[in-house]
Amino acid sequence: MPTTEALRKSIGTAEDLESVVSTMKALAAVSIGQFEGVVEAAHEYNRTVEATLQVLLRNAPEGARTGPEYAGDALGAVIMGSDQGLCGQFNEGIVTHALAQIEGAEAPRRREILAVGARVAMGVEEAGYAIDDYLPVPSSAAAVAELVADIAAAIETWQSTRGIGRVYLYYNRRIATATHRPTVRRLLPVSETWLAELRGRQWPSKMLPDFSMHWDALLARVMRQHLLVALYDATANSALSEHASRLQSMQAAEQNIEERIGELTALYRQQRQTAITAELLDIVSGFEALVGDDTGATASSA
């Protein structure tokens, strides 16, 4: 049975841990708010990019290619996770999903993996796969653009020097307040079916916008923006899912700590009451012994 002093120290330790968990909860909640704004901004910009691309597709010159051509049959995979833990199965889930998808793909000449997040990199290497490159996760919403630029640069290097024609993006997308699911998106080559569907969409007004820039050059720029906004959306959703998972984990940890503090406090009070009772019994016994001695002495004198 632990002593009251040991119990008091255990309660203090648990309360310190509860304070840390509360701080992490607050930071996760703030980050969720920031990245929700980034996701919404990405959706808005994506609508603009798709509208621009729709105009270009409707005005495509005779015989022009509407989809960019990428040489090479090697496969590139971008897997997004986190640098930090304490977020449940966030990293394990996306690594398992991505590697299963990669293994099940049509056998390419070569596979290259770009890991975004130290935890993902460790998970991929532990599964026996080599990492081509690693990038850290943005610590704030303001750093998303820098990561997107780095990923885009890596993809361009894959295309130009390594013959990678297929690029897939694996990340967690939030589907509810505190849940997410692994998601895969093919970045390259752009789906011809999707381009045909986009071209056939009804324009929201009677006036179709015009443009003066050369069609091929403008298409190349819009396609790049399409790639960037896809990366932007995935990065923001991955970060949002990470912080939502961490918030959920911290809430569960906080509840467990509160229950443990309650148990320790009850045990401490019981121990303390037992100690007080024992002290009272010692006092009463001592008093009775003194009274008994006084009574015996008086009888002897008489």
Protein backbone atom coordinates (compact mmCIF):
# COMPACT_ATOMS: atom_id res chain seq x y z
CA MET A 1 0.00 0.00 0.00
CA PRO A 2 1.55 3.36 -1.02
CA THR A 3 2.17 5.94 1.67
CA THR A 4 0.32 9.26 1.82
CA GLU A 5 3.51 11.06 0.74
CA ALA A 6 3.86 8.80 -2.32
CA LEU A 7 0.19 9.33 -3.18
CA ARG A 8 0.57 13.10 -2.87
CA LYS A 9 3.51 13.01 -5.32
CA SER A 10 1.53 10.82 -7.74
CA ILE A 11 -1.39 13.24 -7.65
CA GLY A 12 0.97 16.17 -8.33
CA THR A 13 2.52 14.34 -11.29
CA ALA A 14 -0.90 13.52 -12.72
CA GLU A 15 -2.01 17.15 -12.36
CA ASP A 16 1.14 18.33 -14.17
CA LEU A 17 0.42 15.87 -16.97
CA GLU A 18 -3.16 17.09 -17.13
CA SER A 19 -1.88 20.63 -17.58
CA VAL A 20 0.33 19.53 -20.50
CA VAL A 21 -2.57 17.68 -22.12
CA SER A 22 -4.83 20.72 -21.72
CA THR A 23 -2.20 22.87 -23.45
CA MET A 24 -1.90 20.40 -26.32
CA LYS A 25 -5.68 20.37 -26.64
CA ALA A 26 -5.76 24.14 -26.90
CA LEU A 27 -2.98 24.18 -29.53
CA ALA A 28 -4.74 21.49 -31.57
CA ALA A 29 -8.02 23.41 -31.44
CA VAL A 30 -6.31 26.61 -32.65
CA SER A 31 -4.57 24.72 -35.47
CA ILE A 32 -7.86 23.15 -36.55
CA GLY A 33 -9.39 26.59 -36.93
CA GLN A 34 -6.44 27.79 -39.02
CA PHE A 35 -6.39 24.82 -41.36
CA GLU A 36 -10.16 24.84 -41.81
CA GLY A 37 -9.68 28.30 -43.31
CA VAL A 38 -6.93 26.97 -45.60
CA VAL A 39 -9.14 24.12 -46.81
CA GLU A 40 -11.96 26.53 -47.59
CA ALA A 41 -9.57 28.84 -49.46
CA ALA A 42 -8.27 25.87 -51.48
CA HIS A 43 -11.82 24.92 -52.46
CA GLU A 44 -12.56 28.45 -53.60
CA TYR A 45 -9.39 28.67 -55.67
CA ASN A 46 -10.01 25.22 -57.13
CA ARG A 47 -13.37 26.42 -58.46
CA THR A 48 -11.59 29.31 -60.16
CA VAL A 49 -8.98 27.03 -61.71
CA GLU A 50 -11.61 24.58 -62.96
CA ALA A 51 -13.66 27.41 -64.48
CA THR A 52 -10.56 28.71 -66.29
CA LEU A 53 -9.72 25.24 -67.54
CA GLN A 54 -13.30 24.75 -68.71
CA VAL A 55 -13.03 27.90 -70.84
CA LEU A 56 -9.77 26.69 -72.36
CA LEU A 57 -11.16 23.25 -73.14
CA ARG A 58 -14.18 24.76 -74.88
CA ASN A 59 -11.85 26.89 -77.00
CA ALA A 60 -9.29 24.21 -77.78
CA PRO A 61 -7.74 24.50 -81.28
CA GLU A 62 -8.46 21.75 -83.77
CA GLY A 63 -6.38 18.67 -82.97
CA ALA A 64 -4.82 20.15 -79.84
CA ARG A 65 -3.99 17.91 -76.90
CA THR A 66 -6.10 18.88 -73.92
CA GLY A 67 -4.17 16.70 -71.53
CA PRO A 68 -0.44 17.10 -70.89
CA GLU A 69 1.72 14.17 -71.88
CA TYR A 70 4.22 12.72 -69.43
CA ALA A 71 6.85 10.26 -70.57
CA GLY A 72 7.94 7.29 -68.52
CA ASP A 73 6.17 4.45 -66.76
CA ALA A 74 7.83 4.69 -63.34
CA LEU A 75 5.58 5.46 -60.38
CA GLY A 76 5.97 8.29 -57.89
CA ALA A 77 4.09 8.34 -54.59
CA VAL A 78 3.72 11.29 -52.22
CA ILE A 79 2.62 10.09 -48.78
CA MET A 80 1.54 12.72 -46.25
CA GLY A 81 1.58 12.23 -42.49
CA SER A 82 2.93 14.02 -39.44
CA ASP A 83 6.23 14.82 -37.75
CA GLN A 84 4.80 14.33 -34.27
CA GLY A 85 2.92 11.52 -32.61
CA LEU A 86 0.06 11.49 -30.10
CA CYS A 87 -2.52 11.45 -32.90
CA GLY A 88 -3.87 7.91 -32.76
CA GLN A 89 -3.54 5.76 -35.89
CA PHE A 90 -3.18 8.79 -38.16
CA ASN A 91 0.22 7.82 -39.59
CA GLU A 92 -0.10 4.05 -39.40
CA GLY A 93 -3.38 4.14 -41.34
CA ILE A 94 -2.12 6.22 -44.26
CA VAL A 95 1.16 4.28 -44.55
CA THR A 96 -0.65 0.94 -44.63
CA HIS A 97 -3.17 2.21 -47.18
CA ALA A 98 -0.54 3.80 -49.43
CA LEU A 99 1.82 0.83 -49.47
CA ALA A 100 -1.04 -1.58 -50.21
CA GLN A 101 -2.11 0.63 -53.14
CA ILE A 102 1.46 0.92 -54.43
CA GLU A 103 2.02 -2.82 -54.19
CA GLY A 104 -1.24 -3.49 -56.02
CA ALA A 105 -0.53 -1.06 -58.87
CA GLU A 106 0.54 -2.21 -62.30
CA ALA A 107 4.20 -3.13 -61.97
CA PRO A 108 6.27 -0.07 -62.92
CA ARG A 109 9.96 -0.08 -63.80
CA ARG A 110 10.69 1.84 -60.62
CA ARG A 111 8.97 3.29 -57.60
CA GLU A 112 9.91 6.55 -55.90
CA ILE A 113 8.40 7.60 -52.57
CA LEU A 114 8.36 11.14 -51.17
CA ALA A 115 7.46 11.08 -47.46
CA VAL A 116 5.94 14.19 -45.94
CA GLY A 117 6.38 13.84 -42.18
CA ALA A 118 8.97 12.02 -40.09
CA ARG A 119 6.45 9.50 -38.76
CA VAL A 120 5.45 8.50 -42.28
CA ALA A 121 9.10 8.17 -43.31
CA MET A 122 9.78 5.83 -40.38
CA GLY A 123 6.68 3.78 -41.14
CA VAL A 124 7.59 3.35 -44.81
CA GLU A 125 11.17 2.35 -44.01
CA GLU A 126 10.04 -0.08 -41.31
CA ALA A 127 7.84 -1.73 -43.94
CA GLY A 128 10.91 -2.34 -46.08
CA TYR A 129 10.54 0.46 -48.64
CA ALA A 130 13.19 3.04 -49.48
CA ILE A 131 12.46 6.75 -49.17
CA ASP A 132 13.47 8.87 -52.16
CA ASP A 133 13.11 12.11 -50.22
CA TYR A 134 11.61 13.54 -47.05
CA LEU A 135 9.92 16.87 -46.32
CA PRO A 136 8.79 18.19 -42.92
CA VAL A 137 5.13 18.94 -42.21
CA PRO A 138 4.22 22.66 -42.04
CA SER A 139 4.05 23.89 -38.46
CA SER A 140 1.41 26.49 -39.30
CA ALA A 141 -1.07 27.39 -42.01
CA ALA A 142 1.31 30.05 -43.29
CA ALA A 143 3.91 27.38 -44.14
CA VAL A 144 1.61 25.32 -46.39
CA ALA A 145 2.56 27.23 -49.54
CA GLU A 146 6.26 26.51 -49.00
CA LEU A 147 5.65 22.77 -48.64
CA VAL A 148 3.44 22.74 -51.74
CA ALA A 149 6.21 24.43 -53.74
CA ASP A 150 8.74 21.87 -52.50
CA ILE A 151 6.50 18.93 -53.45
CA ALA A 152 5.82 20.42 -56.88
CA ALA A 153 9.56 20.86 -57.44
CA ALA A 154 10.18 17.23 -56.47
CA ILE A 155 7.50 16.06 -58.91
CA GLU A 156 9.00 18.12 -61.72
CA THR A 157 12.39 16.54 -60.98
CA TRP A 158 10.80 13.10 -61.10
CA GLN A 159 9.35 13.89 -64.53
CA SER A 160 12.37 15.55 -66.08
CA THR A 161 15.21 13.35 -64.84
CA ARG A 162 13.76 10.05 -63.63
CA GLY A 163 11.14 9.16 -66.20
CA ILE A 164 8.24 9.06 -63.74
CA GLY A 165 4.96 9.32 -65.65
CA ARG A 166 2.51 8.40 -62.90
CA VAL A 167 2.28 10.33 -59.63
CA TYR A 168 -0.14 9.49 -56.83
CA LEU A 169 -0.88 11.46 -53.68
CA TYR A 170 -1.85 9.70 -50.44
CA TYR A 171 -3.21 11.67 -47.50
CA ASN A 172 -5.87 11.70 -44.78
CA ARG A 173 -9.02 13.72 -45.47
CA ARG A 174 -11.30 14.72 -42.60
CA ILE A 175 -14.85 13.44 -43.07
CA ALA A 176 -16.35 14.50 -39.72
CA THR A 177 -15.44 16.56 -36.67
CA ALA A 178 -12.93 14.03 -35.34
CA THR A 179 -12.65 11.32 -37.99
CA HIS A 180 -10.77 10.96 -41.23
CA ARG A 181 -10.09 8.42 -43.94
CA PRO A 182 -7.09 7.58 -46.15
CA THR A 183 -7.47 9.14 -49.59
CA VAL A 184 -5.60 8.63 -52.86
CA ARG A 185 -5.52 11.09 -55.74
CA ARG A 186 -3.82 10.61 -59.08
CA LEU A 187 -1.95 13.80 -59.84
CA LEU A 188 -0.34 12.76 -63.14
CA PRO A 189 -1.28 12.14 -65.81
CA VAL A 190 -4.44 14.20 -65.59
CA SER A 191 -7.52 12.08 -66.26
CA GLU A 192 -8.79 12.48 -69.82
CA THR A 193 -12.23 11.39 -68.58
CA TRP A 194 -12.28 14.21 -66.03
CA LEU A 195 -11.18 16.74 -68.67
CA ALA A 196 -13.98 15.58 -70.99
CA GLU A 197 -16.51 15.87 -68.15
CA LEU A 198 -15.23 19.34 -67.29
CA ARG A 199 -15.48 20.47 -70.89
CA GLY A 200 -19.08 19.30 -71.07
CA ARG A 201 -20.24 21.11 -67.93
CA GLN A 202 -22.85 23.78 -68.33
CA TRP A 203 -21.42 27.28 -68.02
CA PRO A 204 -23.19 29.25 -65.25
CA SER A 205 -23.91 32.29 -67.47
CA LYS A 206 -24.68 33.16 -71.10
CA MET A 207 -21.32 34.89 -71.55
CA LEU A 208 -18.23 32.73 -72.01
CA PRO A 209 -15.00 34.51 -70.98
CA ASP A 210 -12.38 35.21 -73.63
CA PHE A 211 -8.58 35.26 -73.39
CA SER A 212 -5.75 36.78 -75.42
CA MET A 213 -2.77 34.66 -74.32
CA HIS A 214 -1.62 31.83 -76.58
CA TRP A 215 -3.76 28.75 -75.88
CA ASP A 216 -0.90 26.26 -75.34
CA ALA A 217 0.99 28.54 -72.94
CA LEU A 218 -2.13 29.38 -70.98
CA LEU A 219 -3.13 25.71 -70.74
CA ALA A 220 0.30 24.80 -69.37
CA ARG A 221 0.01 27.49 -66.69
CA VAL A 222 -3.52 26.47 -65.72
CA MET A 223 -2.50 22.80 -65.53
CA ARG A 224 0.29 23.76 -63.16
CA GLN A 225 -2.17 25.70 -61.02
CA HIS A 226 -4.43 22.64 -61.04
CA LEU A 227 -1.53 20.55 -59.68
CA LEU A 228 -0.66 23.17 -57.05
CA VAL A 229 -4.20 23.55 -55.78
CA ALA A 230 -4.52 19.75 -55.52
CA LEU A 231 -1.36 19.66 -53.40
CA TYR A 232 -2.55 22.66 -51.39
CA ASP A 233 -5.90 21.02 -50.64
CA ALA A 234 -4.28 17.70 -49.69
CA THR A 235 -1.69 19.34 -47.42
CA ALA A 236 -4.34 21.37 -45.61
CA ASN A 237 -6.66 18.38 -45.22
CA SER A 238 -3.83 16.20 -43.94
CA ALA A 239 -2.83 18.80 -41.35
CA LEU A 240 -6.46 19.33 -40.37
CA SER A 241 -6.94 15.59 -39.91
CA GLU A 242 -3.74 15.35 -37.87
CA HIS A 243 -4.78 18.06 -35.41
CA ALA A 244 -8.32 16.69 -35.18
CA SER A 245 -6.88 13.24 -34.35
CA ARG A 246 -4.55 14.76 -31.78
CA LEU A 247 -7.43 16.69 -30.19
CA GLN A 248 -9.43 13.48 -29.94
CA SER A 249 -6.46 11.64 -28.41
CA MET A 250 -5.88 14.44 -25.90
CA GLN A 251 -9.53 14.45 -24.93
CA ALA A 252 -9.36 10.73 -24.22
CA ALA A 253 -6.09 11.19 -22.31
CA GLU A 254 -7.56 14.04 -20.28
CA GLN A 255 -10.53 11.90 -19.30
CA ASN A 256 -8.24 9.04 -18.24
CA ILE A 257 -6.06 11.41 -16.22
CA GLU A 258 -9.08 12.92 -14.48
CA GLU A 259 -10.27 9.43 -13.56
CA ARG A 260 -6.81 8.52 -12.30
CA ILE A 261 -6.58 11.71 -10.22
CA GLY A 262 -9.98 10.87 -8.75
CA GLU A 263 -8.80 7.37 -7.83
CA LEU A 264 -5.55 8.64 -6.32
CA THR A 265 -7.35 11.40 -4.40
CA ALA A 266 -9.85 8.92 -2.95
CA LEU A 267 -7.02 6.58 -1.97
CA TYR A 268 -5.07 9.46 -0.47
CA ARG A 269 -8.06 10.56 1.61
CA GLN A 270 -8.60 6.99 2.76
CA GLN A 271 -4.96 6.64 3.70
CA ARG A 272 -4.99 9.99 5.42
CA GLN A 273 -8.14 9.12 7.34
CA THR A 274 -6.61 5.80 8.34
CA ALA A 275 -3.51 7.60 9.57
CA ILE A 276 -5.59 10.12 11.53
CA THR A 277 -7.64 7.32 13.06
CA ALA A 278 -4.47 5.47 14.04
CA GLU A 279 -3.09 8.65 15.65
CA LEU A 280 -6.33 9.16 17.60
CA LEU A 281 -6.28 5.56 18.75
CA ASP A 282 -2.69 6.01 19.93
CA ILE A 283 -3.69 9.15 21.84
CA VAL A 284 -6.67 7.41 23.45
CA SER A 285 -4.58 4.38 24.32
CA GLY A 286 -1.90 6.59 25.84
CA PHE A 287 -4.49 8.55 27.78
CA GLU A 288 -6.08 5.36 29.08
CA ALA A 289 -2.68 4.03 30.06
CA LEU A 290 -1.90 7.25 31.95
CA VAL A 291 -5.31 7.18 33.66
CA GLY A 292 -4.78 3.55 34.59
CA ASP A 293 -1.37 4.33 36.09
CA ASP A 294 -2.81 7.22 38.10
CA THR A 295 -5.64 5.02 39.43
CA GLY A 296 -3.22 2.28 40.47
CA ALA A 297 -0.96 4.76 42.23
CA THR A 298 -3.90 6.25 44.17
CA ALA A 299 -5.10 2.81 45.31
CA SER A 300 -1.63 1.91 46.54
CA SER A 301 -1.40 5.15 48.55
CA ALA A 302 -4.73 4.45 50.20
